[in-house]
Amino acid sequence: MGSTLRRSIMKKKTLEFLESHQSETPSTWREEAEWRRDNWSWLRHSQRIAVKVLVHMKQEGLTQKALAERMNCTQQYVSKILKGKENMSLDILSKLEAALGIRLIYDEQEPFPSMVAEEAFEYQT
């Protein structure tokens, strides 16, 4: 059997195999990749916050349900936050901070917000 014939047979078998294992539903990988590309800026913040929250929850032995109760929201919403794909409002971030007793919006090393606000005010005048 010639190498061209072997390649043709292998190609046919490969195509048959792929067609027999094809998913019933169309893939959405392209749309998901485009969504991640279009939202990368806030997604990176959301993921960092999720990691901070998860680490603190583990240290405190806190469950998603307990955190949800502290935040007065559902466990399902906490789960969405912890996946790092939730575009959170400042209200939600504030609730997370209060529920966990940690800062998420700015670093502990940064100057106190009122000092930053005073500097900003001086800059505007």
N, C-alpha and C. Protein backbone atom coordinates (compact mmCIF):
# COMPACT_ATOMS: atom_id res chain seq x y z
N MET A 1 0.86 -1.18 0.00
CA MET A 1 0.00 0.00 0.00
C MET A 1 0.90 1.24 0.00
N GLY A 2 0.62 2.19 -0.87
CA GLY A 2 1.43 3.39 -0.98
C GLY A 2 1.17 4.35 0.17
N SER A 3 2.12 5.24 0.41
CA SER A 3 1.98 6.20 1.52
C SER A 3 0.83 7.17 1.29
N THR A 4 0.53 7.52 0.04
CA THR A 4 -0.59 8.41 -0.26
C THR A 4 -1.91 7.75 0.11
N LEU A 5 -2.03 6.45 -0.22
CA LEU A 5 -3.24 5.70 0.10
C LEU A 5 -3.40 5.57 1.61
N ARG A 6 -2.28 5.30 2.32
CA ARG A 6 -2.33 5.20 3.80
C ARG A 6 -2.80 6.52 4.42
N ARG A 7 -2.24 7.62 3.93
CA ARG A 7 -2.65 8.93 4.46
C ARG A 7 -4.12 9.19 4.19
N SER A 8 -4.60 8.81 3.04
CA SER A 8 -6.00 9.01 2.69
C SER A 8 -6.91 8.19 3.61
N ILE A 9 -6.52 6.95 3.87
CA ILE A 9 -7.31 6.09 4.77
C ILE A 9 -7.30 6.65 6.20
N MET A 10 -6.12 7.08 6.66
CA MET A 10 -6.01 7.65 8.02
C MET A 10 -6.84 8.92 8.14
N LYS A 11 -6.80 9.74 7.09
CA LYS A 11 -7.58 10.98 7.10
C LYS A 11 -9.07 10.68 7.20
N LYS A 12 -9.51 9.68 6.42
CA LYS A 12 -10.93 9.29 6.42
C LYS A 12 -11.33 8.77 7.80
N LYS A 13 -10.47 7.91 8.41
CA LYS A 13 -10.76 7.36 9.73
C LYS A 13 -10.80 8.46 10.79
N THR A 14 -9.87 9.39 10.67
CA THR A 14 -9.83 10.50 11.62
C THR A 14 -11.09 11.34 11.52
N LEU A 15 -11.48 11.68 10.31
CA LEU A 15 -12.71 12.46 10.12
C LEU A 15 -13.93 11.72 10.65
N GLU A 16 -14.02 10.43 10.39
CA GLU A 16 -15.14 9.63 10.89
C GLU A 16 -15.16 9.63 12.42
N PHE A 17 -13.98 9.48 13.02
CA PHE A 17 -13.88 9.49 14.48
C PHE A 17 -14.35 10.83 15.04
N LEU A 18 -13.85 11.91 14.45
CA LEU A 18 -14.22 13.25 14.94
C LEU A 18 -15.71 13.51 14.77
N GLU A 19 -16.26 13.12 13.63
CA GLU A 19 -17.70 13.32 13.38
C GLU A 19 -18.54 12.49 14.34
N SER A 20 -18.09 11.28 14.67
CA SER A 20 -18.86 10.44 15.59
C SER A 20 -18.81 10.96 17.03
N HIS A 21 -17.81 11.77 17.35
CA HIS A 21 -17.68 12.32 18.70
C HIS A 21 -18.01 13.80 18.77
N GLN A 22 -18.64 14.31 17.73
CA GLN A 22 -19.01 15.72 17.68
C GLN A 22 -20.15 16.00 18.66
N SER A 23 -20.07 17.13 19.31
CA SER A 23 -21.09 17.52 20.28
C SER A 23 -22.40 17.86 19.58
N GLU A 24 -23.49 17.58 20.28
CA GLU A 24 -24.82 17.90 19.75
C GLU A 24 -25.05 19.41 19.72
N THR A 25 -24.50 20.10 20.72
CA THR A 25 -24.69 21.55 20.80
C THR A 25 -23.46 22.26 20.25
N PRO A 26 -23.68 23.37 19.58
CA PRO A 26 -22.53 24.09 19.02
C PRO A 26 -21.67 24.70 20.14
N SER A 27 -20.39 24.79 19.87
CA SER A 27 -19.45 25.34 20.83
C SER A 27 -19.60 26.85 20.94
N THR A 28 -19.39 27.36 22.14
CA THR A 28 -19.45 28.80 22.37
C THR A 28 -18.08 29.35 22.77
N TRP A 29 -17.02 28.60 22.48
CA TRP A 29 -15.70 29.01 22.92
C TRP A 29 -15.29 30.36 22.35
N ARG A 30 -15.66 30.64 21.11
CA ARG A 30 -15.28 31.91 20.50
C ARG A 30 -15.96 33.08 21.21
N GLU A 31 -17.25 32.95 21.47
CA GLU A 31 -17.97 34.02 22.16
C GLU A 31 -17.42 34.23 23.57
N GLU A 32 -17.10 33.13 24.24
CA GLU A 32 -16.54 33.24 25.59
C GLU A 32 -15.16 33.90 25.56
N ALA A 33 -14.35 33.56 24.60
CA ALA A 33 -13.02 34.17 24.48
C ALA A 33 -13.14 35.65 24.16
N GLU A 34 -14.06 36.01 23.28
CA GLU A 34 -14.27 37.43 22.96
C GLU A 34 -14.78 38.19 24.18
N TRP A 35 -15.68 37.57 24.95
CA TRP A 35 -16.20 38.21 26.16
C TRP A 35 -15.06 38.47 27.16
N ARG A 36 -14.19 37.46 27.36
CA ARG A 36 -13.05 37.64 28.27
C ARG A 36 -12.13 38.74 27.77
N ARG A 37 -11.89 38.78 26.46
CA ARG A 37 -11.04 39.83 25.89
C ARG A 37 -11.66 41.21 26.11
N ASP A 38 -12.96 41.33 25.89
CA ASP A 38 -13.64 42.62 26.03
C ASP A 38 -13.77 43.08 27.47
N ASN A 39 -13.71 42.15 28.42
CA ASN A 39 -13.93 42.47 29.84
C ASN A 39 -12.71 42.22 30.71
N TRP A 40 -11.55 42.08 30.11
CA TRP A 40 -10.35 41.69 30.87
C TRP A 40 -10.02 42.66 31.98
N SER A 41 -10.28 43.94 31.79
CA SER A 41 -9.88 44.94 32.78
C SER A 41 -10.57 44.70 34.12
N TRP A 42 -11.89 44.64 34.12
CA TRP A 42 -12.58 44.43 35.40
C TRP A 42 -12.49 42.98 35.86
N LEU A 43 -12.33 42.05 34.93
CA LEU A 43 -12.20 40.64 35.31
C LEU A 43 -10.96 40.42 36.16
N ARG A 44 -9.86 41.08 35.82
CA ARG A 44 -8.63 40.89 36.59
C ARG A 44 -8.83 41.40 38.02
N HIS A 45 -9.54 42.51 38.20
CA HIS A 45 -9.83 43.00 39.55
C HIS A 45 -10.75 42.03 40.29
N SER A 46 -11.76 41.54 39.58
CA SER A 46 -12.71 40.61 40.19
C SER A 46 -12.01 39.34 40.65
N GLN A 47 -11.08 38.84 39.85
CA GLN A 47 -10.36 37.62 40.20
C GLN A 47 -9.46 37.85 41.41
N ARG A 48 -8.80 38.98 41.46
CA ARG A 48 -7.94 39.28 42.61
C ARG A 48 -8.75 39.39 43.89
N ILE A 49 -9.90 40.03 43.80
CA ILE A 49 -10.78 40.15 44.96
C ILE A 49 -11.27 38.78 45.39
N ALA A 50 -11.65 37.95 44.42
CA ALA A 50 -12.13 36.60 44.73
C ALA A 50 -11.06 35.81 45.49
N VAL A 51 -9.82 35.91 45.04
CA VAL A 51 -8.73 35.19 45.72
C VAL A 51 -8.56 35.71 47.14
N LYS A 52 -8.58 37.04 47.31
CA LYS A 52 -8.45 37.61 48.66
C LYS A 52 -9.57 37.12 49.58
N VAL A 53 -10.78 37.12 49.05
CA VAL A 53 -11.94 36.67 49.85
C VAL A 53 -11.80 35.19 50.19
N LEU A 54 -11.44 34.37 49.21
CA LEU A 54 -11.29 32.93 49.45
C LEU A 54 -10.22 32.64 50.49
N VAL A 55 -9.09 33.34 50.41
CA VAL A 55 -8.01 33.14 51.39
C VAL A 55 -8.51 33.50 52.79
N HIS A 56 -9.20 34.64 52.90
CA HIS A 56 -9.70 35.06 54.21
C HIS A 56 -10.76 34.08 54.73
N MET A 57 -11.63 33.62 53.86
CA MET A 57 -12.65 32.66 54.28
C MET A 57 -12.00 31.39 54.81
N LYS A 58 -10.97 30.92 54.12
CA LYS A 58 -10.28 29.70 54.55
C LYS A 58 -9.63 29.92 55.91
N GLN A 59 -8.97 31.06 56.08
CA GLN A 59 -8.30 31.36 57.35
C GLN A 59 -9.31 31.41 58.50
N GLU A 60 -10.49 31.93 58.23
CA GLU A 60 -11.51 32.09 59.26
C GLU A 60 -12.45 30.89 59.36
N GLY A 61 -12.31 29.94 58.47
CA GLY A 61 -13.22 28.78 58.46
C GLY A 61 -14.65 29.18 58.12
N LEU A 62 -14.78 30.14 57.24
CA LEU A 62 -16.09 30.71 56.89
C LEU A 62 -16.63 30.04 55.63
N THR A 63 -17.89 29.65 55.67
CA THR A 63 -18.52 29.02 54.51
C THR A 63 -19.17 30.09 53.63
N GLN A 64 -19.50 29.70 52.41
CA GLN A 64 -20.22 30.61 51.52
C GLN A 64 -21.57 31.00 52.12
N LYS A 65 -22.22 30.06 52.74
CA LYS A 65 -23.53 30.33 53.34
C LYS A 65 -23.39 31.36 54.47
N ALA A 66 -22.38 31.19 55.30
CA ALA A 66 -22.17 32.13 56.41
C ALA A 66 -21.85 33.53 55.89
N LEU A 67 -21.01 33.60 54.85
CA LEU A 67 -20.69 34.90 54.27
C LEU A 67 -21.93 35.53 53.66
N ALA A 68 -22.75 34.74 53.00
CA ALA A 68 -23.99 35.25 52.41
C ALA A 68 -24.91 35.82 53.48
N GLU A 69 -24.98 35.16 54.61
CA GLU A 69 -25.81 35.66 55.71
C GLU A 69 -25.28 36.99 56.23
N ARG A 70 -23.96 37.10 56.36
CA ARG A 70 -23.36 38.36 56.82
C ARG A 70 -23.60 39.50 55.83
N MET A 71 -23.63 39.15 54.54
CA MET A 71 -23.81 40.17 53.50
C MET A 71 -25.28 40.42 53.17
N ASN A 72 -26.16 39.59 53.72
CA ASN A 72 -27.59 39.67 53.44
C ASN A 72 -27.86 39.47 51.93
N CYS A 73 -27.27 38.40 51.40
CA CYS A 73 -27.50 38.03 50.00
C CYS A 73 -27.59 36.51 49.94
N THR A 74 -27.70 35.97 48.75
CA THR A 74 -27.83 34.52 48.61
C THR A 74 -26.46 33.85 48.52
N GLN A 75 -26.42 32.58 48.86
CA GLN A 75 -25.19 31.80 48.73
C GLN A 75 -24.80 31.70 47.26
N GLN A 76 -25.78 31.67 46.37
CA GLN A 76 -25.50 31.59 44.94
C GLN A 76 -24.74 32.84 44.46
N TYR A 77 -25.11 34.01 45.02
CA TYR A 77 -24.42 35.24 44.63
C TYR A 77 -22.98 35.22 45.15
N VAL A 78 -22.79 34.75 46.36
CA VAL A 78 -21.43 34.63 46.90
C VAL A 78 -20.61 33.70 46.01
N SER A 79 -21.22 32.61 45.57
CA SER A 79 -20.53 31.67 44.68
C SER A 79 -20.09 32.36 43.40
N LYS A 80 -20.95 33.21 42.83
CA LYS A 80 -20.60 33.94 41.62
C LYS A 80 -19.41 34.87 41.87
N ILE A 81 -19.40 35.53 43.02
CA ILE A 81 -18.30 36.42 43.38
C ILE A 81 -17.00 35.63 43.46
N LEU A 82 -17.06 34.47 44.10
CA LEU A 82 -15.86 33.67 44.33
C LEU A 82 -15.32 33.02 43.05
N LYS A 83 -16.10 33.00 42.00
CA LYS A 83 -15.62 32.49 40.72
C LYS A 83 -14.76 33.53 40.00
N GLY A 84 -14.80 34.78 40.49
CA GLY A 84 -13.97 35.83 39.91
C GLY A 84 -14.48 36.37 38.59
N LYS A 85 -15.77 36.20 38.34
CA LYS A 85 -16.34 36.68 37.07
C LYS A 85 -17.52 37.61 37.31
N GLU A 86 -17.59 38.18 38.50
CA GLU A 86 -18.72 39.05 38.84
C GLU A 86 -18.25 40.50 38.83
N ASN A 87 -18.93 41.33 38.06
CA ASN A 87 -18.63 42.76 38.00
C ASN A 87 -19.35 43.42 39.17
N MET A 88 -18.64 43.52 40.30
CA MET A 88 -19.25 43.97 41.55
C MET A 88 -19.35 45.48 41.64
N SER A 89 -20.43 45.92 42.25
CA SER A 89 -20.61 47.35 42.50
C SER A 89 -19.83 47.73 43.77
N LEU A 90 -19.67 49.01 43.98
CA LEU A 90 -19.02 49.49 45.21
C LEU A 90 -19.84 49.07 46.43
N ASP A 91 -21.15 49.00 46.29
CA ASP A 91 -22.01 48.56 47.39
C ASP A 91 -21.67 47.13 47.80
N ILE A 92 -21.52 46.24 46.82
CA ILE A 92 -21.19 44.84 47.11
C ILE A 92 -19.79 44.75 47.71
N LEU A 93 -18.83 45.50 47.16
CA LEU A 93 -17.48 45.50 47.70
C LEU A 93 -17.48 45.95 49.16
N SER A 94 -18.27 46.97 49.46
CA SER A 94 -18.37 47.46 50.83
C SER A 94 -18.99 46.41 51.75
N LYS A 95 -20.00 45.70 51.26
CA LYS A 95 -20.62 44.64 52.05
C LYS A 95 -19.63 43.50 52.31
N LEU A 96 -18.84 43.17 51.29
CA LEU A 96 -17.82 42.13 51.46
C LEU A 96 -16.80 42.56 52.52
N GLU A 97 -16.34 43.79 52.43
CA GLU A 97 -15.37 44.29 53.40
C GLU A 97 -15.93 44.24 54.82
N ALA A 98 -17.17 44.69 54.98
CA ALA A 98 -17.79 44.70 56.31
C ALA A 98 -17.99 43.28 56.82
N ALA A 99 -18.41 42.38 55.95
CA ALA A 99 -18.68 41.00 56.36
C ALA A 99 -17.41 40.26 56.76
N LEU A 100 -16.30 40.61 56.10
CA LEU A 100 -15.04 39.91 56.35
C LEU A 100 -14.09 40.67 57.27
N GLY A 101 -14.35 41.96 57.44
CA GLY A 101 -13.46 42.77 58.27
C GLY A 101 -12.11 43.01 57.62
N ILE A 102 -12.10 43.07 56.29
CA ILE A 102 -10.85 43.33 55.56
C ILE A 102 -11.10 44.42 54.52
N ARG A 103 -10.00 44.96 53.99
CA ARG A 103 -10.10 45.95 52.92
C ARG A 103 -9.85 45.25 51.59
N LEU A 104 -10.72 45.55 50.63
CA LEU A 104 -10.59 44.96 49.30
C LEU A 104 -10.32 46.01 48.24
N ILE A 105 -10.82 47.21 48.46
CA ILE A 105 -10.77 48.23 47.43
C ILE A 105 -9.38 48.87 47.35
N TYR A 106 -8.73 49.08 48.47
CA TYR A 106 -7.38 49.63 48.44
C TYR A 106 -6.53 48.88 49.44
N ASP A 107 -5.26 48.96 49.25
CA ASP A 107 -4.30 48.21 50.03
C ASP A 107 -4.13 48.79 51.42
N GLU A 108 -3.84 47.93 52.37
CA GLU A 108 -3.61 48.35 53.76
C GLU A 108 -2.45 49.35 53.85
N GLN A 109 -1.49 49.29 52.93
CA GLN A 109 -0.31 50.15 52.96
C GLN A 109 -0.59 51.55 52.43
N GLU A 110 -1.71 51.73 51.73
CA GLU A 110 -2.03 53.04 51.17
C GLU A 110 -2.41 54.00 52.28
N PRO A 111 -2.22 55.30 52.06
CA PRO A 111 -2.63 56.27 53.08
C PRO A 111 -4.14 56.22 53.29
N PHE A 112 -4.56 56.67 54.43
CA PHE A 112 -5.99 56.67 54.75
C PHE A 112 -6.75 57.47 53.70
N PRO A 113 -7.93 57.02 53.28
CA PRO A 113 -8.66 57.68 52.19
C PRO A 113 -8.88 59.18 52.39
N SER A 114 -9.09 59.64 53.63
CA SER A 114 -9.33 61.06 53.84
C SER A 114 -8.09 61.87 53.48
N MET A 115 -6.89 61.30 53.72
CA MET A 115 -5.65 61.99 53.35
C MET A 115 -5.54 62.09 51.83
N VAL A 116 -5.93 61.04 51.14
CA VAL A 116 -5.91 61.05 49.68
C VAL A 116 -6.92 62.07 49.16
N ALA A 117 -8.09 62.11 49.79
CA ALA A 117 -9.13 63.07 49.38
C ALA A 117 -8.65 64.50 49.58
N GLU A 118 -7.98 64.77 50.70
CA GLU A 118 -7.45 66.11 50.96
C GLU A 118 -6.45 66.51 49.88
N GLU A 119 -5.56 65.57 49.53
CA GLU A 119 -4.57 65.85 48.48
C GLU A 119 -5.25 66.12 47.15
N ALA A 120 -6.28 65.36 46.84
CA ALA A 120 -7.03 65.54 45.59
C ALA A 120 -7.70 66.91 45.58
N PHE A 121 -8.27 67.31 46.72
CA PHE A 121 -8.92 68.61 46.82
C PHE A 121 -7.92 69.73 46.60
N GLU A 122 -6.74 69.61 47.24
CA GLU A 122 -5.70 70.62 47.08
C GLU A 122 -5.25 70.69 45.63
N TYR A 123 -5.20 69.58 44.95
CA TYR A 123 -4.78 69.54 43.55
C TYR A 123 -5.78 70.27 42.66
N GLN A 124 -7.08 70.15 43.00
CA GLN A 124 -8.14 70.76 42.18
C GLN A 124 -8.16 72.28 42.33
N THR A 125 -7.71 72.78 43.47
CA THR A 125 -7.79 74.24 43.70
C THR A 125 -6.58 74.98 43.20
